[in-house]
């Protein structure tokens, strides 16, 4: 039987945040920490990349609009090829969608205002499901697929 283990990294993320874009954001050795909140109402638009080969964090271009409340994120090939969608911006839930391939591009508006949803998938496409819909005031089992307009 192979035993698993955790390794504490010597460098921490550049800014503490919660409610960041979650799920698949890069590969096992090249991950991204995108958007989120520092515990206040204001949203963060920062993007940091973790390089697992030398355990370092670096700053990347900020996302177009900061999102919080767990927006979905997918693009598992690299931290340089991501989609971040749903969540809430500073005005509330809006169905924002942003694509990243070295620069951020505003994508097609998401079909609902869900937040706290799951996102996953490879570079060119992804799936978003579940969450909470502010407009309906209820947890949802909605499922959406997305095909990228841009890709590296």
Protein backbone atom coordinates (compact mmCIF):
# COMPACT_ATOMS: atom_id res chain seq x y z
CA UNK A 1 0.00 0.00 0.00
CA UNK A 2 1.30 3.45 -0.93
CA UNK A 3 0.99 6.00 1.83
CA UNK A 4 0.09 9.58 1.05
CA UNK A 5 1.57 12.62 2.73
CA UNK A 6 1.17 16.37 2.98
CA UNK A 7 4.08 18.77 2.54
CA UNK A 8 4.04 22.22 4.13
CA UNK A 9 5.44 24.67 1.59
CA UNK A 10 8.10 27.14 2.66
CA UNK A 11 6.38 30.08 0.96
CA UNK A 12 2.83 31.24 1.59
CA UNK A 13 0.38 32.79 -0.85
CA UNK A 14 1.13 36.49 -1.43
CA UNK A 15 -2.18 37.76 0.05
CA UNK A 16 -4.50 35.95 2.47
CA UNK A 17 -7.98 35.51 0.97
CA UNK A 18 -11.17 33.52 1.32
CA UNK A 19 -13.99 32.63 -1.09
CA UNK A 20 -11.56 32.45 -4.02
CA UNK A 21 -12.24 30.89 -7.39
CA UNK A 22 -12.15 27.22 -6.56
CA UNK A 23 -11.77 23.79 -8.01
CA UNK A 24 -9.38 23.14 -10.90
CA UNK A 25 -7.05 26.08 -11.46
CA UNK A 26 -3.94 24.78 -13.15
CA UNK A 27 -2.03 21.55 -12.82
CA UNK A 28 -0.49 19.80 -9.84
CA UNK A 29 2.78 21.72 -10.27
CA UNK A 30 1.46 25.01 -11.68
CA UNK A 31 -1.63 26.33 -9.89
CA UNK A 32 -3.43 29.66 -9.64
CA UNK A 33 -5.10 31.56 -6.81
CA UNK A 34 -7.59 33.88 -8.45
CA UNK A 35 -9.79 36.66 -7.00
CA UNK A 36 -11.52 36.17 -3.61
CA UNK A 37 -11.95 38.35 -0.55
CA UNK A 38 -9.76 39.51 2.29
CA UNK A 39 -12.69 39.30 4.71
CA UNK A 40 -14.21 42.66 3.80
CA UNK A 41 -17.03 43.50 1.40
CA UNK A 42 -14.60 44.65 -1.29
CA UNK A 43 -13.63 42.02 -3.84
CA UNK A 44 -10.06 41.26 -4.79
CA UNK A 45 -9.02 41.01 -8.41
CA UNK A 46 -5.55 39.56 -7.81
CA UNK A 47 -4.13 36.50 -9.51
CA UNK A 48 -1.15 34.65 -8.11
CA UNK A 49 0.56 31.61 -9.60
CA UNK A 50 2.27 28.84 -7.61
CA UNK A 51 5.19 27.09 -9.25
CA UNK A 52 5.47 23.70 -7.59
CA UNK A 53 8.88 22.96 -9.07
CA UNK A 54 10.57 25.63 -6.94
CA UNK A 55 7.73 26.36 -4.42
CA UNK A 56 7.37 30.06 -5.29
CA UNK A 57 4.41 32.42 -5.75
CA UNK A 58 4.36 35.16 -8.40
CA UNK A 59 1.87 37.87 -9.35
CA UNK A 60 0.04 37.69 -12.68
CA UNK A 61 -2.20 40.27 -14.39
CA UNK A 62 -5.30 40.90 -12.24
CA UNK A 63 -8.67 39.51 -13.31
CA UNK A 64 -10.89 42.12 -15.02
CA UNK A 65 -13.42 42.20 -12.15
CA UNK A 66 -12.89 40.80 -8.68
CA UNK A 67 -15.32 38.01 -7.74
CA UNK A 68 -16.09 36.45 -4.39
CA UNK A 69 -18.47 33.86 -2.91
CA UNK A 70 -16.71 30.93 -4.50
CA UNK A 71 -16.89 31.50 -8.24
CA UNK A 72 -16.20 28.43 -10.34
CA UNK A 73 -12.82 27.99 -12.00
CA UNK A 74 -11.55 25.49 -14.53
CA UNK A 75 -8.56 24.92 -16.76
CA UNK A 76 -6.41 22.15 -15.37
CA UNK A 77 -3.52 22.26 -17.82
CA UNK A 78 -1.79 25.40 -16.58
CA UNK A 79 -2.30 28.47 -14.41
CA UNK A 80 -1.92 30.43 -17.65
CA UNK A 81 -5.13 29.08 -19.17
CA UNK A 82 -8.23 29.53 -16.97
CA UNK A 83 -11.93 30.33 -16.94
CA UNK A 84 -13.47 31.99 -13.86
CA UNK A 85 -17.25 32.45 -13.77
CA UNK A 86 -20.31 32.96 -11.56
CA UNK A 87 -19.73 34.18 -7.98
CA UNK A 88 -20.46 37.79 -7.00
CA UNK A 89 -18.84 41.05 -8.01
CA UNK A 90 -18.96 44.23 -5.87
CA UNK A 91 -22.57 44.86 -7.01
CA UNK A 92 -23.81 41.34 -6.21
CA UNK A 93 -24.35 38.20 -8.32
CA UNK A 94 -24.04 39.02 -12.00
CA UNK A 95 -23.01 35.89 -13.91
CA UNK A 96 -19.58 37.28 -14.79
CA UNK A 97 -17.28 35.13 -16.92
CA UNK A 98 -13.59 35.76 -17.58
CA UNK A 99 -11.07 33.82 -19.65
CA UNK A 100 -7.29 33.97 -19.12
CA UNK A 101 -4.48 32.95 -21.46
CA UNK A 102 -1.83 35.46 -20.38
CA UNK A 103 -4.31 38.33 -20.49
CA UNK A 104 -7.90 38.46 -19.20
CA UNK A 105 -10.83 38.63 -21.64
CA UNK A 106 -14.48 39.08 -20.69
CA UNK A 107 -16.29 35.91 -21.74
CA UNK A 108 -19.96 35.28 -22.44
CA UNK A 109 -22.18 36.11 -19.47
CA UNK A 110 -23.02 33.01 -17.45
CA UNK A 111 -26.66 31.90 -17.80
CA UNK A 112 -27.47 32.38 -14.10
CA UNK A 113 -26.37 34.25 -11.00
CA UNK A 114 -25.28 31.19 -9.03
CA UNK A 115 -22.52 31.41 -6.44
CA UNK A 116 -20.71 28.78 -4.36
CA UNK A 117 -20.74 26.39 -7.31
CA UNK A 118 -18.36 23.70 -8.54
CA UNK A 119 -16.28 24.13 -11.69
CA UNK A 120 -14.01 21.63 -13.36
CA UNK A 121 -12.65 20.56 -16.68
CA UNK A 122 -9.69 20.79 -19.04
CA UNK A 123 -8.33 23.82 -20.84
CA UNK A 124 -10.80 24.01 -23.73
CA UNK A 125 -14.07 23.29 -21.95
CA UNK A 126 -15.57 22.96 -18.51
CA UNK A 127 -18.59 22.20 -16.40
CA UNK A 128 -20.21 24.23 -13.63
CA UNK A 129 -22.87 22.77 -11.36
CA UNK A 130 -24.74 23.40 -8.14
CA UNK A 131 -24.47 26.40 -5.85
CA UNK A 132 -26.88 28.97 -4.52
CA UNK A 133 -28.96 31.28 -6.73
CA UNK A 134 -29.63 34.71 -5.20
CA UNK A 135 -32.50 35.51 -7.56
CA UNK A 136 -34.37 32.29 -6.69
CA UNK A 137 -33.23 32.39 -3.05
CA UNK A 138 -32.46 28.67 -3.16
CA UNK A 139 -29.76 26.05 -3.58
CA UNK A 140 -29.73 24.76 -7.15
CA UNK A 141 -28.74 21.65 -9.06
CA UNK A 142 -28.24 23.51 -12.34
CA UNK A 143 -25.50 22.21 -14.65
CA UNK A 144 -23.81 24.21 -17.41
CA UNK A 145 -21.04 23.35 -19.85
CA UNK A 146 -18.73 25.89 -21.40
CA UNK A 147 -16.59 25.86 -24.57
CA UNK A 148 -13.68 28.31 -24.56
CA UNK A 149 -13.52 31.19 -27.01
CA UNK A 150 -9.76 31.51 -26.40
CA UNK A 151 -7.08 29.07 -25.37
CA UNK A 152 -3.31 28.92 -25.23
